[in-house]
Structure formats: C-alpha cells, structure tokens
Amino acid sequence: LELVAYSFLIAVPIGYVLGVSAALSRGGLRDRAIYYFSVAISGTPRFVTAAAAYAALYALSQVLGTPVVYGRVASGLRVGFTEVTGAITIDSVIQGRLDVLVDSLVRIIPPALVLSTYPMGVLARVVRLAVAEALEEEYVRQAVSLGIPAGVILRRYVAPSVMPTVTQLSGLFFSYSLVEAMAVEGVFGREGLGYLLVKALESSDYPLI
C-alpha cells in the first residue's frame, strides 16, 4: 500500500496538470506532445517499464559508484529500527530516524514513478477532455468575456467540474495499481504483495494465494 500511495501522490497532480495544459492548447504542438506521451506511458506494460528503469538505475549506479537502489531500506539502517505501521517512511518519522527516511524515499521514488505511469497517462487524457468541454460551457465563456483572469476561471469554474471525474478514476486506478504493484515490487526487490505472492507460490501456501 505504501508504494501505491506514493505512486498516486505522483500520478494525480502530474496527470491533472498535463491534462489542463493540453486542454489550454487544443490542437497545438503541446497538446499533441502530451497526448503521445500519455499514450506511451500508459500503454507500456509496467513490468517492461520497471525492468527498463531498473536497468538504467543500475547502469547509473555503476558509473557513479553508488549502491544499487534495491529493497525498501538498506540493511545496515535496520539496526535499532522497528516497523510499526508497515510503512517505513511513516515509521522513520515516528521514531525520528532521518537517515532511514531519506534512504527509504530514495528507494521508493523510482518504483513509485514506474507504477504511476498508467494512472498518470489515462488521467491526463481524461482531464484534457473534461477541461476542454468545461471551457465550452456558457458560464465559462461569459467569465472569459468579462475579462476574469484565466487562473481564476480555471480554479473557480473549471476545476470543480473536473474534480468528480478525477476522484472517481483515482478510486478505480487504485485497485488496479494494487495488482500492478506486484510486478514492480518484484523488479525493485520490495517486500510487499508481490513478494508475499511469490513466497506463497514457492512454498505452496494455497490459503495465502
């Protein structure tokens, strides 16, 4: 759940911003670029994206001479650290372990970015369509004719009509991401649902499966 939560903290705001940006430049170069980008990141299987991302991080670590980003936290930092909630980032804050917090964030951001690609891409296209439709509404056109700043129009008139769609899709994507998180966790060596499933298959733990 920690990985999925962080992926949504990335996917929802970025997807919304991309969708609004595309809607404000309908038919333009930016609109087409965002469209093709969103199709590419949402259409590529997550295990492929995860494998490519891990390979790139591994190559970068070899060049820089830094440890490979793998697992939830470095084994050396687990000394004196106790997991309470199951979310290392939260537990590190509770216990005042800044070193564990920084290390866990470094290790969770890459897989969270990978897991965020599907909801981010779909949200960008849906928000683009919803914002484009809202901009054609009579009350929005009236606000534009009155000279109200574009930022105010987006916040007060357009965003409220788009938020219900974003909220509904986010709920659907959350359950879908729980499944995809298993593949991403396996690539990045994180102990989560995917790890439990693999261990259950290896030990023939059918009740857990």
N, C-alpha and C. Protein backbone atom coordinates (compact mmCIF):
# COMPACT_ATOMS: atom_id res chain seq x y z
N LEU A 1 0.82 -1.21 0.00
CA LEU A 1 0.00 0.00 0.00
C LEU A 1 0.86 1.27 0.00
N GLU A 2 2.01 1.20 0.66
CA GLU A 2 2.89 2.37 0.71
C GLU A 2 3.34 2.76 -0.69
N LEU A 3 3.73 1.78 -1.49
CA LEU A 3 4.18 2.06 -2.86
C LEU A 3 3.05 2.63 -3.70
N VAL A 4 1.86 2.06 -3.58
CA VAL A 4 0.71 2.54 -4.36
C VAL A 4 0.35 3.97 -3.94
N ALA A 5 0.40 4.23 -2.65
CA ALA A 5 0.07 5.58 -2.16
C ALA A 5 1.03 6.61 -2.71
N TYR A 6 2.32 6.30 -2.71
CA TYR A 6 3.30 7.24 -3.25
C TYR A 6 3.14 7.40 -4.76
N SER A 7 2.77 6.33 -5.44
CA SER A 7 2.58 6.44 -6.88
C SER A 7 1.42 7.38 -7.22
N PHE A 8 0.38 7.38 -6.37
CA PHE A 8 -0.75 8.27 -6.61
C PHE A 8 -0.43 9.71 -6.24
N LEU A 9 0.45 9.89 -5.26
CA LEU A 9 0.89 11.25 -4.95
C LEU A 9 1.63 11.86 -6.13
N ILE A 10 2.20 11.01 -6.97
CA ILE A 10 2.89 11.47 -8.18
C ILE A 10 1.92 11.57 -9.35
N ALA A 11 1.10 10.53 -9.55
CA ALA A 11 0.29 10.43 -10.76
C ALA A 11 -0.83 11.45 -10.83
N VAL A 12 -1.56 11.66 -9.74
CA VAL A 12 -2.75 12.51 -9.78
C VAL A 12 -2.41 13.98 -10.08
N PRO A 13 -1.51 14.61 -9.33
CA PRO A 13 -1.22 16.02 -9.65
C PRO A 13 -0.58 16.22 -11.01
N ILE A 14 0.37 15.33 -11.38
CA ILE A 14 1.03 15.49 -12.68
C ILE A 14 0.06 15.22 -13.81
N GLY A 15 -0.78 14.17 -13.67
CA GLY A 15 -1.77 13.89 -14.70
C GLY A 15 -2.75 15.03 -14.87
N TYR A 16 -3.15 15.63 -13.75
CA TYR A 16 -4.09 16.76 -13.82
C TYR A 16 -3.45 17.96 -14.53
N VAL A 17 -2.23 18.27 -14.16
CA VAL A 17 -1.54 19.41 -14.77
C VAL A 17 -1.33 19.18 -16.27
N LEU A 18 -0.94 17.97 -16.64
CA LEU A 18 -0.75 17.66 -18.06
C LEU A 18 -2.06 17.78 -18.82
N GLY A 19 -3.16 17.30 -18.23
CA GLY A 19 -4.45 17.38 -18.90
C GLY A 19 -4.91 18.81 -19.09
N VAL A 20 -4.75 19.64 -18.06
CA VAL A 20 -5.14 21.05 -18.17
C VAL A 20 -4.28 21.75 -19.19
N SER A 21 -2.98 21.48 -19.16
CA SER A 21 -2.06 22.12 -20.11
C SER A 21 -2.41 21.75 -21.55
N ALA A 22 -2.77 20.48 -21.78
CA ALA A 22 -3.15 20.04 -23.12
C ALA A 22 -4.45 20.70 -23.56
N ALA A 23 -5.41 20.82 -22.64
CA ALA A 23 -6.71 21.41 -22.98
C ALA A 23 -6.57 22.89 -23.34
N LEU A 24 -5.65 23.59 -22.71
CA LEU A 24 -5.46 25.01 -22.98
C LEU A 24 -4.76 25.27 -24.30
N SER A 25 -4.20 24.21 -24.89
CA SER A 25 -3.54 24.37 -26.20
C SER A 25 -4.08 23.34 -27.17
N ARG A 26 -5.40 23.21 -27.21
CA ARG A 26 -6.03 22.20 -28.05
C ARG A 26 -5.62 22.34 -29.51
N GLY A 27 -5.19 21.20 -30.08
CA GLY A 27 -4.78 21.18 -31.47
C GLY A 27 -3.37 21.67 -31.71
N GLY A 28 -2.72 22.18 -30.68
CA GLY A 28 -1.37 22.70 -30.82
C GLY A 28 -0.31 21.64 -30.61
N LEU A 29 0.93 22.08 -30.71
CA LEU A 29 2.06 21.16 -30.57
C LEU A 29 2.11 20.58 -29.16
N ARG A 30 1.88 21.40 -28.15
CA ARG A 30 1.92 20.92 -26.77
C ARG A 30 0.83 19.88 -26.53
N ASP A 31 -0.35 20.11 -27.09
CA ASP A 31 -1.46 19.16 -26.95
C ASP A 31 -1.09 17.82 -27.54
N ARG A 32 -0.53 17.82 -28.74
CA ARG A 32 -0.14 16.55 -29.38
C ARG A 32 0.99 15.86 -28.64
N ALA A 33 1.94 16.65 -28.15
CA ALA A 33 3.07 16.06 -27.42
C ALA A 33 2.60 15.37 -26.15
N ILE A 34 1.72 16.03 -25.42
CA ILE A 34 1.19 15.44 -24.17
C ILE A 34 0.36 14.21 -24.48
N TYR A 35 -0.41 14.25 -25.57
CA TYR A 35 -1.23 13.10 -25.94
C TYR A 35 -0.36 11.88 -26.23
N TYR A 36 0.66 12.05 -27.08
CA TYR A 36 1.52 10.92 -27.44
C TYR A 36 2.31 10.43 -26.22
N PHE A 37 2.73 11.34 -25.37
CA PHE A 37 3.45 10.97 -24.16
C PHE A 37 2.55 10.15 -23.23
N SER A 38 1.31 10.60 -23.04
CA SER A 38 0.39 9.89 -22.15
C SER A 38 0.03 8.51 -22.70
N VAL A 39 -0.11 8.40 -24.02
CA VAL A 39 -0.41 7.10 -24.63
C VAL A 39 0.77 6.15 -24.44
N ALA A 40 1.99 6.68 -24.60
CA ALA A 40 3.18 5.84 -24.49
C ALA A 40 3.36 5.31 -23.06
N ILE A 41 3.22 6.17 -22.06
CA ILE A 41 3.49 5.73 -20.70
C ILE A 41 2.38 4.85 -20.14
N SER A 42 1.15 5.06 -20.60
CA SER A 42 0.05 4.24 -20.10
C SER A 42 -0.08 2.93 -20.87
N GLY A 43 0.40 2.91 -22.11
CA GLY A 43 0.28 1.70 -22.93
C GLY A 43 1.40 0.70 -22.74
N THR A 44 2.53 1.14 -22.20
CA THR A 44 3.65 0.23 -21.98
C THR A 44 3.41 -0.59 -20.71
N PRO A 45 3.54 -1.93 -20.78
CA PRO A 45 3.33 -2.75 -19.58
C PRO A 45 4.25 -2.31 -18.45
N ARG A 46 3.75 -2.38 -17.22
CA ARG A 46 4.51 -1.89 -16.09
C ARG A 46 5.76 -2.71 -15.83
N PHE A 47 5.73 -4.02 -16.09
CA PHE A 47 6.92 -4.82 -15.84
C PHE A 47 8.03 -4.46 -16.83
N VAL A 48 7.65 -4.04 -18.04
CA VAL A 48 8.64 -3.59 -19.02
C VAL A 48 9.24 -2.26 -18.59
N THR A 49 8.37 -1.34 -18.17
CA THR A 49 8.85 -0.04 -17.69
C THR A 49 9.73 -0.22 -16.47
N ALA A 50 9.33 -1.11 -15.56
CA ALA A 50 10.11 -1.34 -14.33
C ALA A 50 11.48 -1.93 -14.66
N ALA A 51 11.51 -2.89 -15.58
CA ALA A 51 12.79 -3.50 -15.95
C ALA A 51 13.72 -2.48 -16.60
N ALA A 52 13.16 -1.64 -17.49
CA ALA A 52 13.97 -0.62 -18.15
C ALA A 52 14.49 0.41 -17.14
N ALA A 53 13.61 0.81 -16.21
CA ALA A 53 14.02 1.79 -15.19
C ALA A 53 15.09 1.22 -14.29
N TYR A 54 14.95 -0.04 -13.89
CA TYR A 54 15.95 -0.64 -13.01
C TYR A 54 17.29 -0.79 -13.72
N ALA A 55 17.24 -1.18 -15.01
CA ALA A 55 18.48 -1.31 -15.78
C ALA A 55 19.20 0.04 -15.89
N ALA A 56 18.41 1.10 -16.11
CA ALA A 56 19.00 2.44 -16.20
C ALA A 56 19.60 2.86 -14.86
N LEU A 57 18.89 2.59 -13.76
CA LEU A 57 19.41 2.93 -12.43
C LEU A 57 20.66 2.12 -12.10
N TYR A 58 20.69 0.87 -12.51
CA TYR A 58 21.86 0.03 -12.26
C TYR A 58 23.08 0.56 -13.02
N ALA A 59 22.86 0.91 -14.29
CA ALA A 59 23.96 1.47 -15.07
C ALA A 59 24.45 2.78 -14.47
N LEU A 60 23.52 3.62 -14.02
CA LEU A 60 23.91 4.89 -13.41
C LEU A 60 24.68 4.67 -12.11
N SER A 61 24.26 3.68 -11.33
CA SER A 61 24.97 3.40 -10.07
C SER A 61 26.39 2.91 -10.33
N GLN A 62 26.57 2.17 -11.44
CA GLN A 62 27.91 1.70 -11.77
C GLN A 62 28.81 2.85 -12.19
N VAL A 63 28.24 3.80 -12.91
CA VAL A 63 29.02 4.95 -13.35
C VAL A 63 29.39 5.85 -12.17
N LEU A 64 28.42 6.07 -11.28
CA LEU A 64 28.65 6.98 -10.14
C LEU A 64 29.30 6.28 -8.95
N GLY A 65 29.32 4.96 -8.97
CA GLY A 65 29.89 4.23 -7.85
C GLY A 65 29.04 4.25 -6.61
N THR A 66 27.72 4.37 -6.78
CA THR A 66 26.79 4.41 -5.66
C THR A 66 26.07 3.07 -5.54
N PRO A 67 25.49 2.77 -4.37
CA PRO A 67 24.76 1.50 -4.21
C PRO A 67 23.55 1.43 -5.13
N VAL A 68 23.21 0.21 -5.54
CA VAL A 68 22.05 0.00 -6.39
C VAL A 68 20.77 0.20 -5.57
N VAL A 69 19.79 0.89 -6.17
CA VAL A 69 18.51 1.10 -5.49
C VAL A 69 17.72 -0.20 -5.53
N TYR A 70 17.70 -0.91 -4.42
CA TYR A 70 17.03 -2.21 -4.36
C TYR A 70 16.54 -2.44 -2.94
N GLY A 71 15.33 -2.95 -2.81
CA GLY A 71 14.76 -3.19 -1.48
C GLY A 71 14.06 -1.95 -0.93
N ARG A 72 13.62 -2.06 0.31
CA ARG A 72 12.87 -0.98 0.93
C ARG A 72 13.77 -0.04 1.72
N VAL A 73 14.82 -0.58 2.32
CA VAL A 73 15.76 0.22 3.10
C VAL A 73 17.05 -0.56 3.22
N ALA A 74 18.17 0.14 3.35
CA ALA A 74 19.47 -0.53 3.47
C ALA A 74 19.50 -1.39 4.73
N SER A 75 20.11 -2.57 4.62
CA SER A 75 20.13 -3.50 5.74
C SER A 75 20.86 -2.92 6.94
N GLY A 76 21.87 -2.09 6.71
CA GLY A 76 22.62 -1.51 7.81
C GLY A 76 21.82 -0.52 8.63
N LEU A 77 20.77 0.04 8.02
CA LEU A 77 19.95 1.01 8.73
C LEU A 77 18.82 0.37 9.55
N ARG A 78 18.66 -0.93 9.41
CA ARG A 78 17.60 -1.61 10.15
C ARG A 78 17.96 -1.86 11.61
N VAL A 79 19.24 -1.65 11.93
CA VAL A 79 19.67 -1.85 13.31
C VAL A 79 19.01 -0.79 14.21
N GLY A 80 18.27 -1.24 15.19
CA GLY A 80 17.59 -0.33 16.10
C GLY A 80 16.32 0.28 15.54
N PHE A 81 15.91 -0.19 14.37
CA PHE A 81 14.69 0.35 13.74
C PHE A 81 13.61 -0.71 13.77
N THR A 82 12.42 -0.33 14.20
CA THR A 82 11.30 -1.26 14.31
C THR A 82 10.15 -0.80 13.43
N GLU A 83 9.63 -1.71 12.62
CA GLU A 83 8.47 -1.38 11.79
C GLU A 83 7.20 -1.48 12.63
N VAL A 84 6.44 -0.42 12.64
CA VAL A 84 5.21 -0.36 13.43
C VAL A 84 3.98 -0.42 12.52
N THR A 85 3.93 0.47 11.54
CA THR A 85 2.77 0.56 10.65
C THR A 85 2.94 -0.26 9.38
N GLY A 86 4.16 -0.68 9.08
CA GLY A 86 4.42 -1.37 7.83
C GLY A 86 4.89 -0.43 6.74
N ALA A 87 4.72 0.87 6.94
CA ALA A 87 5.20 1.89 6.00
C ALA A 87 6.48 2.49 6.59
N ILE A 88 7.60 2.20 5.96
CA ILE A 88 8.89 2.60 6.53
C ILE A 88 9.01 4.11 6.62
N THR A 89 8.50 4.83 5.63
CA THR A 89 8.62 6.29 5.67
C THR A 89 7.87 6.87 6.87
N ILE A 90 6.73 6.31 7.20
CA ILE A 90 5.96 6.78 8.36
C ILE A 90 6.64 6.36 9.66
N ASP A 91 7.09 5.11 9.71
CA ASP A 91 7.75 4.62 10.92
C ASP A 91 9.03 5.39 11.21
N SER A 92 9.77 5.77 10.17
CA SER A 92 11.01 6.51 10.38
C SER A 92 10.73 7.89 10.98
N VAL A 93 9.62 8.50 10.57
CA VAL A 93 9.25 9.80 11.14
C VAL A 93 8.84 9.63 12.60
N ILE A 94 8.08 8.58 12.89
CA ILE A 94 7.63 8.33 14.26
C ILE A 94 8.82 8.12 15.20
N GLN A 95 9.82 7.40 14.71
CA GLN A 95 10.98 7.08 15.53
C GLN A 95 12.10 8.11 15.42
N GLY A 96 11.89 9.14 14.62
CA GLY A 96 12.90 10.18 14.49
C GLY A 96 14.15 9.73 13.77
N ARG A 97 14.03 8.78 12.86
CA ARG A 97 15.19 8.27 12.11
C ARG A 97 15.24 8.94 10.75
N LEU A 98 15.91 10.08 10.68
CA LEU A 98 16.02 10.83 9.43
C LEU A 98 16.81 10.04 8.39
N ASP A 99 17.82 9.30 8.82
CA ASP A 99 18.62 8.52 7.87
C ASP A 99 17.79 7.44 7.19
N VAL A 100 16.91 6.80 7.96
CA VAL A 100 16.03 5.78 7.38
C VAL A 100 15.02 6.42 6.45
N LEU A 101 14.50 7.59 6.82
CA LEU A 101 13.52 8.29 5.98
C LEU A 101 14.11 8.64 4.63
N VAL A 102 15.30 9.22 4.62
CA VAL A 102 15.94 9.62 3.37
C VAL A 102 16.23 8.41 2.49
N ASP A 103 16.77 7.35 3.10
CA ASP A 103 17.10 6.14 2.34
C ASP A 103 15.86 5.49 1.78
N SER A 104 14.78 5.43 2.57
CA SER A 104 13.55 4.79 2.09
C SER A 104 12.89 5.61 0.97
N LEU A 105 12.99 6.94 1.05
CA LEU A 105 12.45 7.78 -0.02
C LEU A 105 13.22 7.58 -1.32
N VAL A 106 14.54 7.50 -1.22
CA VAL A 106 15.36 7.26 -2.40
C VAL A 106 15.00 5.94 -3.06
N ARG A 107 14.65 4.96 -2.24
CA ARG A 107 14.35 3.63 -2.77
C ARG A 107 12.90 3.48 -3.23
N ILE A 108 11.99 4.33 -2.75
CA ILE A 108 10.59 4.16 -3.13
C ILE A 108 10.21 5.03 -4.32
N ILE A 109 10.93 6.12 -4.55
CA ILE A 109 10.55 7.04 -5.64
C ILE A 109 10.65 6.38 -7.02
N PRO A 110 11.75 5.67 -7.36
CA PRO A 110 11.80 5.03 -8.70
C PRO A 110 10.65 4.06 -8.97
N PRO A 111 10.38 3.09 -8.08
CA PRO A 111 9.22 2.21 -8.37
C PRO A 111 7.89 2.94 -8.34
N ALA A 112 7.77 3.97 -7.51
CA ALA A 112 6.53 4.74 -7.49
C ALA A 112 6.32 5.47 -8.81
N LEU A 113 7.39 6.00 -9.38
CA LEU A 113 7.30 6.66 -10.69
C LEU A 113 6.86 5.66 -11.75
N VAL A 114 7.42 4.46 -11.71
CA VAL A 114 7.04 3.43 -12.69
C VAL A 114 5.56 3.07 -12.53
N LEU A 115 5.13 2.87 -11.29
CA LEU A 115 3.75 2.47 -11.05
C LEU A 115 2.76 3.59 -11.38
N SER A 116 3.22 4.83 -11.36
CA SER A 116 2.33 5.97 -11.61
C SER A 116 2.06 6.20 -13.09
N THR A 117 2.79 5.52 -13.97
CA THR A 117 2.70 5.85 -15.40
C THR A 117 1.31 5.59 -15.98
N TYR A 118 0.68 4.47 -15.59
CA TYR A 118 -0.65 4.18 -16.17
C TYR A 118 -1.71 5.17 -15.71
N PRO A 119 -1.92 5.36 -14.39
CA PRO A 119 -2.94 6.35 -13.99
C PRO A 119 -2.60 7.75 -14.46
N MET A 120 -1.32 8.10 -14.50
CA MET A 120 -0.95 9.43 -14.95
C MET A 120 -1.33 9.65 -16.41
N GLY A 121 -1.03 8.67 -17.26
CA GLY A 121 -1.32 8.81 -18.68
C GLY A 121 -2.81 8.87 -18.96
N VAL A 122 -3.58 8.01 -18.33
CA VAL A 122 -5.03 8.00 -18.55
C VAL A 122 -5.67 9.26 -17.98
N LEU A 123 -5.25 9.66 -16.79
CA LEU A 123 -5.81 10.88 -16.19
C LEU A 123 -5.54 12.10 -17.05
N ALA A 124 -4.36 12.16 -17.63
CA ALA A 124 -4.02 13.31 -18.47
C ALA A 124 -4.99 13.43 -19.64
N ARG A 125 -5.32 12.31 -20.27
CA ARG A 125 -6.23 12.35 -21.42
C ARG A 125 -7.67 12.64 -21.00
N VAL A 126 -8.09 12.05 -19.88
CA VAL A 126 -9.46 12.28 -19.41
C VAL A 126 -9.64 13.72 -18.95
N VAL A 127 -8.67 14.24 -18.20
CA VAL A 127 -8.75 15.62 -17.73
C VAL A 127 -8.70 16.58 -18.91
N ARG A 128 -7.93 16.27 -19.90
CA ARG A 128 -7.86 17.12 -21.10
C ARG A 128 -9.24 17.24 -21.74
N LEU A 129 -9.94 16.11 -21.88
CA LEU A 129 -11.27 16.12 -22.47
C LEU A 129 -12.27 16.85 -21.59
N ALA A 130 -12.21 16.60 -20.28
CA ALA A 130 -13.15 17.24 -19.36
C ALA A 130 -12.95 18.75 -19.30
N VAL A 131 -11.70 19.19 -19.27
CA VAL A 131 -11.42 20.63 -19.23
C VAL A 131 -11.83 21.29 -20.55
N ALA A 132 -11.56 20.62 -21.67
CA ALA A 132 -11.95 21.17 -22.97
C ALA A 132 -13.46 21.35 -23.05
N GLU A 133 -14.22 20.40 -22.52
CA GLU A 133 -15.68 20.52 -22.53
C GLU A 133 -16.14 21.64 -21.59
N ALA A 134 -15.49 21.75 -20.44
CA ALA A 134 -15.87 22.79 -19.48
C ALA A 134 -15.60 24.18 -20.05
N LEU A 135 -14.54 24.32 -20.81
CA LEU A 135 -14.21 25.63 -21.39
C LEU A 135 -15.24 26.08 -22.42
N GLU A 136 -16.02 25.14 -22.93
CA GLU A 136 -17.05 25.48 -23.92
C GLU A 136 -18.38 25.81 -23.28
N GLU A 137 -18.48 25.63 -21.95
CA GLU A 137 -19.74 25.94 -21.27
C GLU A 137 -20.02 27.44 -21.32
N GLU A 138 -21.30 27.77 -21.32
CA GLU A 138 -21.71 29.17 -21.47
C GLU A 138 -21.20 30.04 -20.32
N TYR A 139 -21.27 29.52 -19.10
CA TYR A 139 -20.85 30.33 -17.96
C TYR A 139 -19.34 30.60 -17.97
N VAL A 140 -18.58 29.66 -18.53
CA VAL A 140 -17.13 29.87 -18.63
C VAL A 140 -16.83 30.89 -19.73
N ARG A 141 -17.53 30.78 -20.84
CA ARG A 141 -17.32 31.75 -21.93
C ARG A 141 -17.73 33.15 -21.48
N GLN A 142 -18.78 33.22 -20.65
CA GLN A 142 -19.20 34.51 -20.12
C GLN A 142 -18.12 35.09 -19.20
N ALA A 143 -17.53 34.24 -18.38
CA ALA A 143 -16.46 34.70 -17.49
C ALA A 143 -15.27 35.21 -18.28
N VAL A 144 -14.95 34.54 -19.39
CA VAL A 144 -13.84 34.98 -20.24
C VAL A 144 -14.14 36.33 -20.86
N SER A 145 -15.39 36.51 -21.30
CA SER A 145 -15.78 37.78 -21.94
C SER A 145 -15.76 38.94 -20.94
N LEU A 146 -15.93 38.65 -19.66
CA LEU A 146 -15.90 39.69 -18.64
C LEU A 146 -14.48 40.07 -18.23
N GLY A 147 -13.51 39.38 -18.80
CA GLY A 147 -12.12 39.71 -18.52
C GLY A 147 -11.57 39.11 -17.24
N ILE A 148 -12.22 38.10 -16.70
CA ILE A 148 -11.73 37.44 -15.50
C ILE A 148 -10.44 36.69 -15.85
N PRO A 149 -9.39 36.81 -15.02
CA PRO A 149 -8.11 36.14 -15.31
C PRO A 149 -8.28 34.64 -15.53
N ALA A 150 -7.46 34.09 -16.42
CA ALA A 150 -7.58 32.67 -16.75
C ALA A 150 -7.37 31.77 -15.53
N GLY A 151 -6.41 32.15 -14.66
CA GLY A 151 -6.17 31.33 -13.47
C GLY A 151 -7.39 31.25 -12.57
N VAL A 152 -8.10 32.37 -12.43
CA VAL A 152 -9.31 32.39 -11.60
C VAL A 152 -10.40 31.53 -12.22
N ILE A 153 -10.53 31.60 -13.53
CA ILE A 153 -11.54 30.80 -14.23
C ILE A 153 -11.27 29.31 -14.04
N LEU A 154 -10.00 28.92 -14.16
CA LEU A 154 -9.65 27.51 -14.01
C LEU A 154 -9.94 27.03 -12.59
N ARG A 155 -9.62 27.85 -11.60
CA ARG A 155 -9.80 27.43 -10.21
C ARG A 155 -11.25 27.43 -9.78
N ARG A 156 -12.00 28.46 -10.15
CA ARG A 156 -13.36 28.63 -9.62
C ARG A 156 -14.44 28.00 -10.48
N TYR A 157 -14.22 27.87 -11.78
CA TYR A 157 -15.28 27.38 -12.66
C TYR A 157 -14.96 26.04 -13.32
N VAL A 158 -13.72 25.85 -13.72
CA VAL A 158 -13.37 24.63 -14.45
C VAL A 158 -13.03 23.48 -13.50
N ALA A 159 -12.16 23.75 -12.51
CA ALA A 159 -11.70 22.68 -11.61
C ALA A 159 -12.85 21.98 -10.88
N PRO A 160 -13.84 22.70 -10.35
CA PRO A 160 -14.93 21.99 -9.66
C PRO A 160 -15.70 21.01 -10.53
N SER A 161 -15.77 21.27 -11.82
CA SER A 161 -16.48 20.36 -12.72
C SER A 161 -15.63 19.16 -13.12
N VAL A 162 -14.32 19.27 -12.93
CA VAL A 162 -13.41 18.20 -13.33
C VAL A 162 -13.08 17.27 -12.16
N MET A 163 -13.07 17.80 -10.94
CA MET A 163 -12.66 17.04 -9.76
C MET A 163 -13.46 15.75 -9.55
N PRO A 164 -14.79 15.73 -9.74
CA PRO A 164 -15.51 14.45 -9.55
C PRO A 164 -15.00 13.35 -10.47
N THR A 165 -14.67 13.70 -11.70
CA THR A 165 -14.14 12.71 -12.64
C THR A 165 -12.78 12.20 -12.18
N VAL A 166 -11.92 13.11 -11.73
CA VAL A 166 -10.60 12.72 -11.25
C VAL A 166 -10.72 11.81 -10.03
N THR A 167 -11.63 12.12 -9.13
CA THR A 167 -11.81 11.33 -7.91
C THR A 167 -12.30 9.92 -8.23
N GLN A 168 -13.28 9.82 -9.13
CA GLN A 168 -13.82 8.51 -9.49
C GLN A 168 -12.76 7.64 -10.16
N LEU A 169 -12.01 8.22 -11.09
CA LEU A 169 -10.98 7.46 -11.79
C LEU A 169 -9.86 7.05 -10.84
N SER A 170 -9.53 7.91 -9.91
CA SER A 170 -8.47 7.59 -8.95
C SER A 170 -8.84 6.37 -8.12
N GLY A 171 -10.10 6.27 -7.74
CA GLY A 171 -10.54 5.10 -6.99
C GLY A 171 -10.42 3.81 -7.80
N LEU A 172 -10.78 3.87 -9.08
CA LEU A 172 -10.66 2.70 -9.94
C LEU A 172 -9.20 2.33 -10.16
N PHE A 173 -8.36 3.34 -10.40
CA PHE A 173 -6.95 3.09 -10.66
C PHE A 173 -6.23 2.55 -9.43
N PHE A 174 -6.70 2.92 -8.24
CA PHE A 174 -6.03 2.46 -7.03
C PHE A 174 -6.10 0.94 -6.91
N SER A 175 -7.28 0.38 -7.13
CA SER A 175 -7.42 -1.08 -7.05
C SER A 175 -6.63 -1.77 -8.15
N TYR A 176 -6.60 -1.17 -9.35
CA TYR A 176 -5.83 -1.74 -10.46
C TYR A 176 -4.34 -1.69 -10.16
N SER A 177 -3.89 -0.61 -9.53
CA SER A 177 -2.47 -0.46 -9.23
C SER A 177 -2.00 -1.45 -8.19
N LEU A 178 -2.90 -1.90 -7.32
CA LEU A 178 -2.52 -2.91 -6.34
C LEU A 178 -2.03 -4.18 -7.03
N VAL A 179 -2.65 -4.53 -8.14
CA VAL A 179 -2.24 -5.71 -8.90
C VAL A 179 -0.92 -5.45 -9.60
N GLU A 180 -0.80 -4.30 -10.25
CA GLU A 180 0.43 -4.00 -10.99
C GLU A 180 1.61 -3.80 -10.04
N ALA A 181 1.34 -3.41 -8.80
CA ALA A 181 2.42 -3.21 -7.84
C ALA A 181 3.20 -4.49 -7.59
N MET A 182 2.56 -5.63 -7.77
CA MET A 182 3.25 -6.91 -7.54
C MET A 182 4.43 -7.07 -8.48
N ALA A 183 4.23 -6.73 -9.76
CA ALA A 183 5.32 -6.86 -10.73
C ALA A 183 6.42 -5.85 -10.45
N VAL A 184 6.03 -4.63 -10.12
CA VAL A 184 7.02 -3.58 -9.85
C VAL A 184 7.83 -3.91 -8.60
N GLU A 185 7.17 -4.41 -7.57
CA GLU A 185 7.87 -4.78 -6.34
C GLU A 185 8.89 -5.88 -6.60
N GLY A 186 8.53 -6.82 -7.46
CA GLY A 186 9.45 -7.90 -7.76
C GLY A 186 10.72 -7.41 -8.43
N VAL A 187 10.60 -6.45 -9.33
CA VAL A 187 11.77 -5.92 -10.04
C VAL A 187 12.68 -5.14 -9.09
N PHE A 188 12.09 -4.35 -8.21
CA PHE A 188 12.87 -3.50 -7.32
C PHE A 188 13.14 -4.14 -5.95
N GLY A 189 12.76 -5.40 -5.79
CA GLY A 189 13.08 -6.11 -4.57
C GLY A 189 12.39 -5.60 -3.33
N ARG A 190 11.19 -5.11 -3.47
CA ARG A 190 10.45 -4.58 -2.32
C ARG A 190 9.56 -5.67 -1.74
N GLU A 191 9.51 -5.75 -0.43
CA GLU A 191 8.69 -6.75 0.25
C GLU A 191 7.27 -6.22 0.39
N GLY A 192 6.40 -6.68 -0.50
CA GLY A 192 5.01 -6.24 -0.47
C GLY A 192 4.09 -7.36 -0.91
N LEU A 193 3.00 -7.01 -1.57
CA LEU A 193 2.06 -8.03 -2.02
C LEU A 193 2.70 -8.99 -3.01
N GLY A 194 3.51 -8.44 -3.92
CA GLY A 194 4.17 -9.28 -4.90
C GLY A 194 5.14 -10.26 -4.24
N TYR A 195 5.88 -9.77 -3.26
CA TYR A 195 6.83 -10.62 -2.54
C TYR A 195 6.10 -11.75 -1.81
N LEU A 196 5.00 -11.43 -1.14
CA LEU A 196 4.22 -12.44 -0.44
C LEU A 196 3.67 -13.50 -1.39
N LEU A 197 3.21 -13.03 -2.57
CA LEU A 197 2.64 -13.97 -3.54
C LEU A 197 3.69 -14.94 -4.06
N VAL A 198 4.89 -14.43 -4.37
CA VAL A 198 5.97 -15.29 -4.87
C VAL A 198 6.35 -16.32 -3.81
N LYS A 199 6.50 -15.86 -2.56
CA LYS A 199 6.86 -16.79 -1.48
C LYS A 199 5.75 -17.82 -1.26
N ALA A 200 4.50 -17.40 -1.40
CA ALA A 200 3.40 -18.34 -1.24
C ALA A 200 3.41 -19.39 -2.34
N LEU A 201 3.75 -19.00 -3.56
CA LEU A 201 3.83 -19.96 -4.66
C LEU A 201 4.98 -20.93 -4.46
N GLU A 202 6.11 -20.40 -3.96
CA GLU A 202 7.28 -21.26 -3.76
C GLU A 202 7.03 -22.30 -2.67
N SER A 203 6.27 -21.90 -1.65
CA SER A 203 6.03 -22.81 -0.52
C SER A 203 4.67 -23.51 -0.61
N SER A 204 3.97 -23.31 -1.73
CA SER A 204 2.64 -23.91 -1.94
C SER A 204 1.67 -23.54 -0.83
N ASP A 205 1.71 -22.27 -0.43
CA ASP A 205 0.81 -21.77 0.61
C ASP A 205 -0.50 -21.34 -0.06
N TYR A 206 -1.36 -22.32 -0.35
CA TYR A 206 -2.59 -22.06 -1.10
C TYR A 206 -3.58 -21.17 -0.36
N PRO A 207 -3.73 -21.26 0.97
CA PRO A 207 -4.63 -20.31 1.65
C PRO A 207 -4.24 -18.85 1.43
N LEU A 208 -2.92 -18.57 1.47
CA LEU A 208 -2.46 -17.19 1.24
C LEU A 208 -2.69 -16.78 -0.20
N ILE A 209 -2.45 -17.72 -1.13
CA ILE A 209 -2.68 -17.42 -2.56
C ILE A 209 -4.14 -17.12 -2.81
